Protein backbone atom coordinates (compact mmCIF):
# COMPACT_ATOMS: atom_id res chain seq x y z
CA UNK A 1 -0.02 -0.10 0.01
CA UNK A 2 3.10 2.32 0.08
CA UNK A 3 3.86 2.33 -3.05
CA UNK A 4 -0.08 3.35 -4.23
CA UNK A 5 0.08 5.73 -1.42
CA UNK A 6 3.29 7.30 -3.17
CA UNK A 7 1.79 7.07 -6.54
CA UNK A 8 -1.02 8.95 -5.47
CA UNK A 9 1.20 12.14 -4.86
CA UNK A 10 2.29 11.96 -8.57
CA UNK A 11 0.07 14.41 -10.82
CA UNK A 12 -1.88 13.05 -14.10
CA UNK A 13 -1.52 14.66 -17.56
CA UNK A 14 -3.78 17.29 -19.16
CA UNK A 15 -4.82 17.45 -22.75
CA UNK A 16 -4.10 20.85 -23.60
CA UNK A 17 -1.57 19.33 -26.77
CA UNK A 18 -4.74 19.01 -28.54
CA UNK A 19 -4.23 22.97 -29.29
CA UNK A 20 -1.01 22.59 -31.31
CA UNK A 21 -0.18 18.82 -31.75
CA UNK A 22 2.76 19.17 -29.42
CA UNK A 23 4.19 16.02 -27.80
CA UNK A 24 3.23 15.95 -24.18
CA UNK A 25 0.41 12.95 -24.50
CA UNK A 26 3.26 10.91 -25.56
CA UNK A 27 4.92 11.30 -22.36
CA UNK A 28 1.64 10.39 -20.16
CA UNK A 29 1.94 6.69 -20.23
CA UNK A 30 5.71 6.72 -20.03
CA UNK A 31 5.70 9.18 -17.35
CA UNK A 32 2.84 6.67 -15.42
CA UNK A 33 4.71 3.91 -15.74
CA UNK A 34 7.90 5.42 -14.35
CA UNK A 35 6.00 6.82 -11.37
CA UNK A 36 4.68 3.44 -10.51
CA UNK A 37 8.34 1.86 -10.76
CA UNK A 38 9.80 4.54 -8.81
CA UNK A 39 7.25 4.23 -6.14
CA UNK A 40 7.42 0.50 -6.09
CA UNK A 41 11.23 0.91 -5.50
CA UNK A 42 10.70 3.72 -2.85
CA UNK A 43 8.21 1.48 -0.78
CA UNK A 44 10.57 -1.48 -0.84
CA UNK A 45 13.16 0.73 0.68
CA UNK A 46 11.11 1.87 3.36
CA UNK A 47 9.52 5.20 1.97
CA UNK A 48 6.41 5.34 3.43
CA UNK A 49 2.84 6.73 1.38
CA UNK A 50 -0.57 6.91 2.91
CA UNK A 51 -2.00 3.93 3.33
CA UNK A 52 -5.75 5.33 2.84
CA UNK A 53 -4.76 6.81 -0.60
CA UNK A 54 -8.20 5.55 -2.19
CA UNK A 55 -10.62 5.86 0.40
CA UNK A 56 -9.19 8.47 2.81
CA UNK A 57 -10.56 12.03 3.48
CA UNK A 58 -8.18 13.61 0.89
CA UNK A 59 -7.40 10.41 -1.01
CA UNK A 60 -8.01 9.41 -4.63
CA UNK A 61 -11.78 8.69 -4.87
CA UNK A 62 -12.72 11.79 -2.72
CA UNK A 63 -10.51 13.83 -4.83
CA UNK A 64 -11.81 12.51 -8.33
CA UNK A 65 -15.11 11.28 -7.84
CA UNK A 66 -16.24 13.51 -5.07
CA UNK A 67 -17.83 12.19 -1.72
CA UNK A 68 -18.15 8.38 -2.19
CA UNK A 69 -20.98 6.56 -0.15
CA UNK A 70 -19.61 4.07 2.32
CA UNK A 71 -21.92 1.13 0.79
CA UNK A 72 -20.80 2.63 -2.68
CA UNK A 73 -17.05 1.99 -1.91
CA UNK A 74 -17.96 -1.12 -0.40
CA UNK A 75 -19.48 -2.62 -3.55
CA UNK A 76 -15.94 -1.80 -5.18
CA UNK A 77 -14.18 -3.51 -2.92
CA UNK A 78 -15.96 -6.40 -2.58
CA UNK A 79 -15.03 -7.10 -6.30
CA UNK A 80 -11.53 -6.61 -5.69
CA UNK A 81 -9.47 -9.67 -6.77
CA UNK A 82 -12.51 -10.98 -8.41
CA UNK A 83 -13.74 -8.91 -10.99
CA UNK A 84 -11.03 -7.92 -13.80
CA UNK A 85 -11.21 -4.93 -16.14
CA UNK A 86 -8.37 -6.29 -18.10
CA UNK A 87 -11.03 -7.95 -20.14
CA UNK A 88 -12.69 -4.70 -21.08
CA UNK A 89 -9.81 -2.80 -22.28
CA UNK A 90 -9.48 -1.71 -25.93
CA UNK A 91 -6.41 -2.18 -28.21
CA UNK A 92 -5.85 0.58 -30.62
CA UNK A 93 -5.50 -1.26 -33.95
CA UNK A 94 -4.71 2.40 -35.61
CA UNK A 95 -1.91 4.95 -34.69
CA UNK A 96 -4.39 7.72 -33.74
CA UNK A 97 -6.86 9.23 -31.21
CA UNK A 98 -9.34 6.87 -30.24
CA UNK A 99 -12.48 9.08 -30.85
CA UNK A 100 -12.38 8.95 -34.55
CA UNK A 101 -11.83 5.04 -34.83
CA UNK A 102 -15.16 4.38 -35.15
CA UNK A 103 -15.82 6.70 -38.12
CA UNK A 104 -12.65 5.37 -39.49
CA UNK A 105 -13.92 1.49 -39.36
CA UNK A 106 -17.08 3.00 -41.08
CA UNK A 107 -15.36 4.28 -43.81
CA UNK A 108 -16.04 3.58 -47.26
CA UNK A 109 -15.92 5.54 -50.81
CA UNK A 110 -15.16 9.01 -51.00
CA UNK A 111 -15.56 10.74 -47.36
CA UNK A 112 -17.81 13.75 -47.27
CA UNK A 113 -19.62 14.15 -43.98
CA UNK A 114 -19.12 11.97 -40.61
CA UNK A 115 -20.84 12.02 -37.17
CA UNK A 116 -18.53 11.88 -34.13
CA UNK A 117 -18.97 12.35 -30.34
CA UNK A 118 -19.56 15.76 -28.74
CA UNK A 119 -16.35 16.08 -26.75
CA UNK A 120 -14.13 15.60 -29.86
CA UNK A 121 -11.00 17.89 -30.37
CA UNK A 122 -11.32 21.57 -31.45
CA UNK A 123 -11.92 22.13 -34.95
CA UNK A 124 -9.52 24.75 -35.57
CA UNK A 125 -6.70 23.53 -37.74
CA UNK A 126 -8.05 20.04 -38.75
CA UNK A 127 -8.28 20.48 -42.38
CA UNK A 128 -4.36 21.36 -42.36
CA UNK A 129 -2.61 20.11 -38.99
CA UNK A 130 0.30 21.65 -38.22
CA UNK A 131 2.52 18.64 -37.95
CA UNK A 132 2.46 14.54 -38.20
CA UNK A 133 1.06 14.37 -34.13
CA UNK A 134 -1.52 16.91 -34.64
CA UNK A 135 -2.60 15.06 -37.59
CA UNK A 136 -3.66 12.18 -35.39
CA UNK A 137 -6.20 14.17 -33.77
CA UNK A 138 -7.59 15.27 -36.90
CA UNK A 139 -10.70 13.56 -38.51
CA UNK A 140 -10.42 15.05 -41.64
CA UNK A 141 -6.79 14.02 -42.29
CA UNK A 142 -7.18 10.54 -41.13
CA UNK A 143 -10.09 9.78 -43.76
CA UNK A 144 -7.90 11.76 -46.43
CA UNK A 145 -4.82 9.89 -45.77
CA UNK A 146 -6.43 6.60 -46.30
CA UNK A 147 -8.41 7.56 -49.30
CA UNK A 148 -5.49 8.94 -51.05
CA UNK A 149 -2.60 6.50 -50.04
CA UNK A 150 -4.87 3.06 -48.95
CA UNK A 151 -3.23 2.71 -45.82
CA UNK A 152 -2.86 4.93 -42.38
CA UNK A 153 0.67 3.40 -40.51
CA UNK A 154 2.94 5.39 -38.55
CA UNK A 155 4.47 6.36 -41.78
CA UNK A 156 1.39 8.32 -42.84
CA UNK A 157 1.81 10.54 -39.71
CA UNK A 158 5.12 12.11 -40.62
CA UNK A 159 5.39 15.78 -41.29
CA UNK A 160 6.16 15.46 -45.06
CA UNK A 161 2.59 13.60 -45.26
CA UNK A 162 0.88 16.40 -43.45
CA UNK A 163 2.25 19.00 -46.38
CA UNK A 164 1.16 16.55 -49.02
CA UNK A 165 -1.00 18.72 -51.36
CA UNK A 166 -3.07 15.54 -52.46
CA UNK A 167 -4.09 14.70 -48.77
CA UNK A 168 -4.70 18.01 -47.97
CA UNK A 169 -7.17 18.75 -51.05
CA UNK A 170 -9.15 15.62 -49.99
CA UNK A 171 -9.16 16.83 -46.28
CA UNK A 172 -10.48 19.91 -47.25
CA UNK A 173 -13.48 18.25 -48.65
CA UNK A 174 -14.14 16.33 -45.59
CA UNK A 175 -16.69 17.53 -43.13
CA UNK A 176 -17.77 16.53 -39.58
CA UNK A 177 -20.64 17.15 -37.11
CA UNK A 178 -20.81 16.59 -33.21
CA UNK A 179 -23.75 14.17 -32.38
CA UNK A 180 -25.21 15.16 -29.11
CA UNK A 181 -26.94 11.82 -28.70
CA UNK A 182 -23.51 10.07 -28.37
CA UNK A 183 -22.82 9.36 -24.96
CA UNK A 184 -19.18 9.88 -25.01
CA UNK A 185 -16.72 8.80 -23.45
CA UNK A 186 -19.45 5.52 -22.68
CA UNK A 187 -19.82 5.19 -26.25
CA UNK A 188 -17.19 5.22 -29.02
CA UNK A 189 -19.90 5.28 -32.11
CA UNK A 190 -19.40 6.50 -35.54
CA UNK A 191 -21.23 7.44 -38.69
CA UNK A 192 -20.07 8.17 -42.32
CA UNK A 193 -22.05 9.39 -44.80
CA UNK A 194 -20.54 9.35 -48.69
CA UNK A 195 -21.39 11.38 -51.54
CA UNK A 196 -20.52 9.52 -54.72
CA UNK A 197 -19.77 11.22 -58.03
CA UNK A 198 -22.83 10.02 -59.32
CA UNK A 199 -24.83 11.49 -56.90
CA UNK A 200 -25.61 8.35 -54.98
CA UNK A 201 -25.40 8.51 -51.06
CA UNK A 202 -23.90 5.53 -49.07
CA UNK A 203 -23.89 5.58 -45.31
CA UNK A 204 -22.21 3.32 -42.72
CA UNK A 205 -22.71 2.95 -38.73
CA UNK A 206 -19.90 1.77 -36.58
CA UNK A 207 -21.57 0.70 -32.80
CA UNK A 208 -18.54 -0.44 -31.14
CA UNK A 209 -14.80 0.44 -31.51
CA UNK A 210 -12.66 -1.86 -33.34
CA UNK A 211 -9.87 -3.78 -30.95
CA UNK A 212 -12.72 -3.64 -27.72
CA UNK A 213 -14.52 -6.32 -26.15
CA UNK A 214 -17.33 -6.02 -28.63
CA UNK A 215 -15.06 -6.10 -31.39
CA UNK A 216 -11.67 -7.56 -30.58
CA UNK A 217 -8.57 -7.82 -32.43
CA UNK A 218 -7.33 -11.31 -33.16
CA UNK A 219 -3.91 -12.27 -32.04
CA UNK A 220 -2.57 -11.95 -35.45
CA UNK A 221 -3.76 -8.58 -35.98
CA UNK A 222 -1.85 -7.75 -32.56
CA UNK A 223 1.29 -9.12 -33.42
CA UNK A 224 1.39 -7.68 -36.70
CA UNK A 225 1.10 -4.01 -34.67
CA UNK A 226 3.49 -4.78 -32.73
CA UNK A 227 6.02 -5.71 -35.61
CA UNK A 228 5.04 -2.37 -37.52
CA UNK A 229 5.81 -0.69 -34.31
CA UNK A 230 8.95 -2.56 -33.56
CA UNK A 231 10.44 -2.33 -36.85
CA UNK A 232 11.30 1.49 -35.85
CA UNK A 233 13.89 0.05 -33.39
CA UNK A 234 14.51 -3.57 -33.90
CA UNK A 235 14.78 -5.98 -36.52
CA UNK A 236 12.20 -8.62 -37.57
CA UNK A 237 13.79 -11.46 -36.23
CA UNK A 238 14.17 -9.72 -32.99
CA UNK A 239 10.55 -9.05 -32.92
CA UNK A 240 10.07 -12.61 -33.70
CA UNK A 241 11.68 -13.57 -30.55
CA UNK A 242 9.84 -11.20 -28.27
CA UNK A 243 6.34 -12.31 -29.34
CA UNK A 244 7.75 -16.02 -29.10
CA UNK A 245 8.54 -14.97 -25.41
CA UNK A 246 5.07 -13.60 -24.55
CA UNK A 247 3.40 -16.51 -26.14
CA UNK A 248 5.25 -18.61 -23.85
CA UNK A 249 5.21 -16.28 -20.69
CA UNK A 250 2.55 -18.16 -18.58
CA UNK A 251 4.88 -21.05 -17.25
CA UNK A 252 7.70 -18.81 -16.89
CA UNK A 253 8.98 -17.72 -13.37
CA UNK A 254 10.41 -14.43 -14.35
CA UNK A 255 10.56 -11.85 -16.95
CA UNK A 256 14.24 -11.62 -17.31
CA UNK A 257 14.20 -13.42 -20.65
CA UNK A 258 11.42 -10.91 -22.26
CA UNK A 259 12.63 -8.15 -20.85
CA UNK A 260 15.94 -8.58 -22.13
CA UNK A 261 14.15 -9.43 -25.61
CA UNK A 262 13.01 -5.53 -25.35
CA UNK A 263 16.32 -4.01 -25.17
CA UNK A 264 18.33 -2.99 -27.79
CA UNK A 265 21.39 -5.03 -26.60
CA UNK A 266 19.32 -7.85 -25.77
CA UNK A 267 17.15 -7.83 -28.77
CA UNK A 268 20.43 -8.73 -31.28
CA UNK A 269 19.58 -8.91 -34.99
């Protein structure tokens, strides 16, 4: 509990990066993991943290959820160790923000109009993102890049692609509307309307985000995404070894072999 108490004193991130495509969101998950490791090491060395970090008068629940009724807290604690939220997590199949993903999954033809949740990122600059990172939060760019290039991997979010006039020309023709009926963030729902050159209109709805419990990714899809990302740092042979270690992880007594395969020195060629 000391480690949790120490973690509770470390601040979370804000989302002002949406204004200009700056890099801070990339720092958030790594910084959280860093904080967890530091907290565990400090606790192991005897450094103390409040053991009532969750339920205390100035603890996590009251700070972020307001007053928590004792019976509600008892209900939450009753599921501890029995109900695992891991099954409800969503893998991100695509290298961009979660909000536009259902609209992307519903893509077809030449996109002209899409609907998304009411709390999507600001409209300013979405048709011509400032840089590759800002493009990950631009629905018009996402649809335009797949329609012009036929894919949307990490390579499509480099700064030179953001300046591609062919992509920007299509992005300028993509509009989107905020749908107040979407209960975001409880729902990730997308709707795409396409007007073809012959005047026909094609529409598609996506009711669940790809990669979530209602529309899960297969093992082969997850491994293919890992290979694509890992190729930026290690060889395909090294990536295959990492995948092999993960597949045989259950009976292992230690994570040492896996961790060595994830480092540059241990990855090999």
